Amino acid sequence: MRILVGVILGWFGGFILGIAFSSIIGIVTLTLFDIPMGIKFLSYFTAFIGAVLVPVLDRRRGE
């Protein structure tokens, strides 16, 4: 059950983090190059990474 909660929280946190990173990248590139650029599907990539890393780090910390 603890792993499932870690996966869900990691997925949600990674998704929110990806949206924030995408917004920051868009603002910086708009300021520097006068055209907004970004990484397509960045929020999905960070959600997947978060869903994998949170349970791994939780298990490593628990030992």
Protein backbone atom coordinates (compact mmCIF):
# COMPACT_ATOMS: atom_id res chain seq x y z
CA MET A 1 0.00 0.00 0.00
CA ARG A 2 2.88 2.32 0.80
CA ILE A 3 4.36 1.76 -2.66
CA LEU A 4 1.04 2.56 -4.32
CA VAL A 5 0.75 5.82 -2.39
CA GLY A 6 4.34 6.67 -3.34
CA VAL A 7 3.63 6.01 -7.02
CA ILE A 8 0.48 8.16 -6.99
CA LEU A 9 2.15 11.02 -5.14
CA GLY A 10 5.23 10.80 -7.36
CA TRP A 11 3.08 10.83 -10.48
CA PHE A 12 1.07 13.83 -9.32
CA GLY A 13 4.11 15.77 -8.07
CA GLY A 14 6.07 15.01 -11.24
CA PHE A 15 3.19 16.19 -13.39
CA ILE A 16 2.93 19.49 -11.51
CA LEU A 17 6.72 19.90 -11.63
CA GLY A 18 6.67 19.30 -15.39
CA ILE A 19 4.04 21.97 -15.89
CA ALA A 20 6.13 24.41 -13.84
CA PHE A 21 9.31 23.58 -15.79
CA SER A 22 7.47 23.95 -19.08
CA SER A 23 6.18 27.38 -18.05
CA ILE A 24 9.63 28.51 -16.95
CA ILE A 25 11.19 27.30 -20.20
CA GLY A 26 8.48 29.12 -22.18
CA ILE A 27 9.00 32.38 -20.29
CA VAL A 28 12.80 32.26 -20.61
CA THR A 29 12.75 31.46 -24.33
CA LEU A 30 10.13 34.13 -24.96
CA THR A 31 12.36 36.65 -23.20
CA LEU A 32 15.55 35.58 -24.98
CA PHE A 33 14.34 34.69 -28.48
CA ASP A 34 10.93 36.46 -28.80
CA ILE A 35 9.26 33.11 -29.48
CA PRO A 36 8.01 30.66 -26.87
CA MET A 37 9.62 27.22 -27.06
CA GLY A 38 9.24 24.18 -24.91
CA ILE A 39 9.60 20.44 -24.60
CA LYS A 40 6.57 18.55 -25.82
CA PHE A 41 5.08 16.19 -23.20
CA LEU A 42 7.53 17.36 -20.50
CA SER A 43 4.89 17.01 -17.80
CA TYR A 44 4.28 13.37 -18.77
CA PHE A 45 8.00 12.59 -18.71
CA THR A 46 8.46 14.12 -15.27
CA ALA A 47 5.32 12.36 -14.01
CA PHE A 48 6.77 9.00 -15.08
CA ILE A 49 10.15 9.80 -13.54
CA GLY A 50 8.49 10.88 -10.30
CA ALA A 51 6.32 7.76 -10.18
CA VAL A 52 9.46 5.62 -10.43
CA LEU A 53 11.82 7.63 -8.23
CA VAL A 54 9.58 8.29 -5.22
CA PRO A 55 9.03 4.61 -4.31
CA VAL A 56 12.70 3.79 -5.00
CA LEU A 57 13.93 6.61 -2.77
CA ASP A 58 11.34 5.76 -0.10
CA ARG A 59 12.45 2.13 -0.02
CA ARG A 60 16.14 3.14 0.11
CA ARG A 61 15.46 5.59 2.96
CA GLY A 62 13.50 2.97 4.91
CA GLU A 63 16.37 0.48 5.01
